[in-house]
C-alpha atoms as a PDB file:
ATOM      1  CA  MET A   1     118.719  65.454 111.744  1.00  0.00           C
ATOM      2  CA  PHE A   2     118.231  69.247 113.012  1.00  0.00           C
ATOM      3  CA  VAL A   3     116.502  70.937 115.944  1.00  0.00           C
ATOM      4  CA  ARG A   4     113.153  71.112 114.482  1.00  0.00           C
ATOM      5  CA  GLU A   5     110.732  73.761 116.212  1.00  0.00           C
ATOM      6  CA  LYS A   6     108.202  70.947 117.095  1.00  0.00           C
ATOM      7  CA  GLY A   7     111.041  69.087 118.795  1.00  0.00           C
ATOM      8  CA  LEU A   8     112.461  72.216 120.352  1.00  0.00           C
ATOM      9  CA  LEU A   9     109.289  73.798 121.774  1.00  0.00           C
ATOM     10  CA  ARG A  10     107.465  70.363 122.337  1.00  0.00           C
ATOM     11  CA  GLY A  11     105.287  70.752 125.491  1.00  0.00           C
ATOM     12  CA  VAL A  12     105.981  74.251 126.028  1.00  0.00           C
ATOM     13  CA  SER A  13     103.075  76.476 126.859  1.00  0.00           C
ATOM     14  CA  THR A  14     100.929  78.863 124.790  1.00  0.00           C
ATOM     15  CA  GLU A  15     102.441  81.492 126.367  1.00  0.00           C
ATOM     16  CA  ALA A  16     105.867  80.735 126.239  1.00  0.00           C
ATOM     17  CA  ARG A  17     105.153  79.961 122.204  1.00  0.00           C
ATOM     18  CA  GLY A  18     103.661  83.564 122.092  1.00  0.00           C
ATOM     19  CA  ILE A  19     107.046  85.271 123.438  1.00  0.00           C
ATOM     20  CA  ILE A  20     108.808  83.336 120.780  1.00  0.00           C
ATOM     21  CA  GLU A  21     106.522  84.522 118.283  1.00  0.00           C
ATOM     22  CA  SER A  22     106.743  88.356 119.397  1.00  0.00           C
ATOM     23  CA  HIS A  23     110.612  88.181 119.354  1.00  0.00           C
ATOM     24  CA  LYS A  24     110.925  86.592 115.770  1.00  0.00           C
ATOM     25  CA  ARG A  25     112.245  88.747 113.015  1.00  0.00           C
ATOM     26  CA  ARG A  26     111.583  87.175 109.508  1.00  0.00           C
ATOM     27  CA  GLN A  27     115.108  88.013 106.585  1.00  0.00           C
ATOM     28  CA  THR A  28     115.510  86.910 103.346  1.00  0.00           C
ATOM     29  CA  TYR A  29     119.087  86.287 102.062  1.00  0.00           C
ATOM     30  CA  ARG A  30     120.476  85.160  98.629  1.00  0.00           C
ATOM     31  CA  GLU A  31     122.176  82.216  97.436  1.00  0.00           C
ATOM     32  CA  GLY A  32     125.526  82.013  98.840  1.00  0.00           C
ATOM     33  CA  ASP A  33     124.905  84.818 101.820  1.00  0.00           C
ATOM     34  CA  LEU A  34     126.244  83.956 105.167  1.00  0.00           C
ATOM     35  CA  ILE A  35     124.066  83.910 107.957  1.00  0.00           C
ATOM     36  CA  PHE A  36     126.272  83.957 110.912  1.00  0.00           C
ATOM     37  CA  LYS A  37     129.730  82.683 111.086  1.00  0.00           C
ATOM     38  CA  GLU A  38     131.834  80.253 113.372  1.00  0.00           C
ATOM     39  CA  GLY A  39     133.569  81.984 116.514  1.00  0.00           C
ATOM     40  CA  GLU A  40     130.930  85.038 116.256  1.00  0.00           C
ATOM     41  CA  GLU A  41     128.976  86.004 119.706  1.00  0.00           C
ATOM     42  CA  ALA A  42     125.778  84.053 119.126  1.00  0.00           C
ATOM     43  CA  GLY A  43     122.645  85.963 120.037  1.00  0.00           C
ATOM     44  CA  HIS A  44     119.620  84.395 117.959  1.00  0.00           C
ATOM     45  CA  LEU A  45     118.477  81.341 117.330  1.00  0.00           C
ATOM     46  CA  TYR A  46     117.404  80.896 113.923  1.00  0.00           C
ATOM     47  CA  MET A  47     114.409  79.271 112.193  1.00  0.00           C
ATOM     48  CA  LEU A  48     114.468  78.107 108.460  1.00  0.00           C
ATOM     49  CA  ASP A  49     110.954  79.394 106.909  1.00  0.00           C
ATOM     50  CA  ASP A  50     112.089  78.561 103.152  1.00  0.00           C
ATOM     51  CA  GLY A  51     114.923  77.722 101.371  1.00  0.00           C
ATOM     52  CA  LYS A  52     118.527  75.499 102.450  1.00  0.00           C
ATOM     53  CA  VAL A  53     121.059  76.686 104.617  1.00  0.00           C
ATOM     54  CA  ASP A  54     124.339  74.705 105.039  1.00  0.00           C
ATOM     55  CA  LEU A  55     126.166  74.523 108.273  1.00  0.00           C
ATOM     56  CA  LEU A  56     130.046  73.957 108.372  1.00  0.00           C
ATOM     57  CA  VAL A  57     131.832  73.172 111.595  1.00  0.00           C
ATOM     58  CA  GLY A  58     135.515  73.221 111.685  1.00  0.00           C
ATOM     59  CA  LYS A  59     138.322  74.129 109.296  1.00  0.00           C
ATOM     60  CA  PRO A  60     138.210  73.810 106.615  1.00  0.00           C
ATOM     61  CA  GLN A  61     134.247  72.602 107.498  1.00  0.00           C
ATOM     62  CA  GLU A  62     135.487  69.325 108.270  1.00  0.00           C
ATOM     63  CA  THR A  63     131.389  68.484 109.144  1.00  0.00           C
ATOM     64  CA  ARG A  64     128.761  69.584 107.291  1.00  0.00           C
ATOM     65  CA  PHE A  65     124.975  69.697 107.862  1.00  0.00           C
ATOM     66  CA  LEU A  66     122.079  70.838 106.126  1.00  0.00           C
ATOM     67  CA  ALA A  67     118.825  72.797 107.226  1.00  0.00           C
ATOM     68  CA  TYR A  68     116.446  72.552 104.180  1.00  0.00           C
ATOM     69  CA  TYR A  69     112.737  72.072 105.708  1.00  0.00           C
ATOM     70  CA  PRO A  70     110.547  74.892 106.833  1.00  0.00           C
ATOM     71  CA  GLY A  71     110.501  75.017 111.080  1.00  0.00           C
ATOM     72  CA  GLU A  72     114.166  73.799 110.996  1.00  0.00           C
ATOM     73  CA  VAL A  73     115.991  75.502 113.756  1.00  0.00           C
ATOM     74  CA  PHE A  74     119.852  76.178 113.887  1.00  0.00           C
ATOM     75  CA  GLY A  75     122.220  78.476 115.535  1.00  0.00           C
ATOM     76  CA  TRP A  76     121.407  77.150 118.957  1.00  0.00           C
ATOM     77  CA  SER A  77     124.765  78.257 120.242  1.00  0.00           C
ATOM     78  CA  ALA A  78     122.856  81.332 121.242  1.00  0.00           C
ATOM     79  CA  LEU A  79     121.057  79.177 124.083  1.00  0.00           C
ATOM     80  CA  LEU A  80     124.437  77.838 125.487  1.00  0.00           C
ATOM     81  CA  ARG A  81     127.950  79.320 126.837  1.00  0.00           C
ATOM     82  CA  PRO A  82     129.778  80.709 125.580  1.00  0.00           C
ATOM     83  CA  HIS A  83     127.467  81.911 123.272  1.00  0.00           C
ATOM     84  CA  ARG A  84     129.564  81.749 120.120  1.00  0.00           C
ATOM     85  CA  TYR A  85     128.369  79.761 117.024  1.00  0.00           C
ATOM     86  CA  LEU A  86     129.976  76.583 116.195  1.00  0.00           C
ATOM     87  CA  SER A  87     129.173  76.407 113.016  1.00  0.00           C
ATOM     88  CA  THR A  88     129.206  78.862 109.722  1.00  0.00           C
ATOM     89  CA  ALA A  89     125.581  79.152 108.457  1.00  0.00           C
ATOM     90  CA  ARG A  90     125.743  79.810 104.390  1.00  0.00           C
ATOM     91  CA  CYS A  91     122.624  79.786 102.386  1.00  0.00           C
ATOM     92  CA  MET A  92     122.826  77.155  99.482  1.00  0.00           C
ATOM     93  CA  THR A  93     119.738  78.956  97.570  1.00  0.00           C
ATOM     94  CA  GLN A  94     117.661  82.201  98.202  1.00  0.00           C
ATOM     95  CA  SER A  95     116.254  81.420 101.755  1.00  0.00           C
ATOM     96  CA  ALA A  96     113.820  83.172 104.114  1.00  0.00           C
ATOM     97  CA  VAL A  97     114.839  82.774 108.038  1.00  0.00           C
ATOM     98  CA  SER A  98     112.772  84.179 111.440  1.00  0.00           C
ATOM     99  CA  ARG A  99     115.814  85.417 113.784  1.00  0.00           C
ATOM    100  CA  ILE A 100     114.812  84.991 117.485  1.00  0.00           C
ATOM    101  CA  SER A 101     116.489  86.776 120.045  1.00  0.00           C
ATOM    102  CA  ILE A 102     118.008  84.957 122.781  1.00  0.00           C
ATOM    103  CA  GLU A 103     116.037  87.486 125.430  1.00  0.00           C
ATOM    104  CA  ALA A 104     113.036  85.408 123.951  1.00  0.00           C
ATOM    105  CA  ILE A 105     114.504  82.456 125.726  1.00  0.00           C
ATOM    106  CA  ARG A 106     115.691  84.347 128.927  1.00  0.00           C
ATOM    107  CA  ARG A 107     112.471  85.617 129.861  1.00  0.00           C
ATOM    108  CA  ILE A 108     110.869  82.285 129.461  1.00  0.00           C
ATOM    109  CA  VAL A 109     113.525  80.864 131.876  1.00  0.00           C
ATOM    110  CA  LYS A 110     112.656  83.646 134.027  1.00  0.00           C
ATOM    111  CA  ASP A 111     108.389  84.409 133.678  1.00  0.00           C
ATOM    112  CA  TYR A 112     107.785  80.338 133.045  1.00  0.00           C
ATOM    113  CA  PRO A 113     110.444  78.001 134.407  1.00  0.00           C
ATOM    114  CA  GLU A 114     108.639  74.945 133.696  1.00  0.00           C
ATOM    115  CA  ASP A 115     108.730  75.923 129.919  1.00  0.00           C
ATOM    116  CA  GLY A 116     112.526  76.972 129.772  1.00  0.00           C
ATOM    117  CA  ILE A 117     113.179  73.338 131.467  1.00  0.00           C
ATOM    118  CA  LEU A 118     111.462  71.662 128.755  1.00  0.00           C
ATOM    119  CA  ILE A 119     113.222  73.853 126.001  1.00  0.00           C
ATOM    120  CA  TYR A 120     116.519  72.696 127.055  1.00  0.00           C
ATOM    121  CA  GLN A 121     115.536  69.422 127.964  1.00  0.00           C
ATOM    122  CA  ASN A 122     114.353  69.242 124.059  1.00  0.00           C
ATOM    123  CA  LEU A 123     117.872  71.042 123.498  1.00  0.00           C
ATOM    124  CA  ALA A 124     119.680  68.350 125.067  1.00  0.00           C
ATOM    125  CA  GLY A 125     117.878  65.480 123.399  1.00  0.00           C
ATOM    126  CA  ILE A 126     118.144  67.250 119.961  1.00  0.00           C
ATOM    127  CA  LEU A 127     122.068  67.494 120.249  1.00  0.00           C
ATOM    128  CA  GLY A 128     122.532  64.068 121.703  1.00  0.00           C
ATOM    129  CA  GLU A 129     120.902  62.910 118.285  1.00  0.00           C
ATOM    130  CA  ARG A 130     122.977  65.538 116.452  1.00  0.00           C
ATOM    131  CA  LEU A 131     126.013  63.750 117.916  1.00  0.00           C
ATOM    132  CA  ILE A 132     125.154  60.247 117.026  1.00  0.00           C
ATOM    133  CA  GLU A 133     124.569  61.178 113.244  1.00  0.00           C
ATOM    134  CA  ALA A 134     127.688  63.018 113.269  1.00  0.00           C
ATOM    135  CA  TYR A 135     129.687  60.046 114.389  1.00  0.00           C
ATOM    136  CA  ARG A 136     127.959  57.589 112.192  1.00  0.00           C
ATOM    137  CA  ASP A 137     128.401  60.010 109.162  1.00  0.00           C
ATOM    138  CA  ARG A 138     132.484  59.693 110.359  1.00  0.00           C
ATOM    139  CA  GLN A 139     132.061  55.878 110.495  1.00  0.00           C
ATOM    140  CA  ALA A 140     130.414  55.798 107.129  1.00  0.00           C
ATOM    141  CA  GLU A 141     133.241  58.114 105.478  1.00  0.00           C
ATOM    142  CA  PRO A 142     135.932  55.304 103.762  1.00  0.00           C
ATOM    143  CA  LYS A 143     139.250  54.600 105.633  1.00  0.00           C
ATOM    144  CA  GLN A 144     142.256  56.305 103.871  1.00  0.00           C
ATOM    145  CA  ALA A 145     145.238  53.157 103.490  1.00  0.00           C
ATOM    146  CA  THR A 146     148.390  53.312 105.848  1.00  0.00           C
ATOM    147  CA  TYR A 147     151.535  52.284 104.702  1.00  0.00           C
ATOM    148  CA  GLY A 148     154.555  51.350 106.745  1.00  0.00           C
ATOM    149  CA  GLY A 149     157.587  51.908 105.726  1.00  0.00           C
END
């Protein structure tokens, strides 16, 4: 499960969507390229246009998520304090990604506060789903035997 554009922008006005569009910059990456690293300052939200991006969390990458469908949004740490990426994004294939400046979201919050609230409400729901998914993945991992002695 990942943040989908239609999920993140569900119910948002045409005007707010126009702000997002005006702040999008398309970039291409080769297989193996890093888009961002865990701990870096998060100034952009990313939308996958084409390809596959592996999102690695923890050291050494204890949890993995995969962004693989067009419109999938990642790098949502740009929207939340302390505005540092919580994962490392590495391209698994040649990928095209649209980078959206956090300034677009700030402008929406300022100029269209109802839309800003919707974006953050949608994000909260998506993050809750991601947390449940990560918990289920952890539960599905085989347990290591422990021996007394």
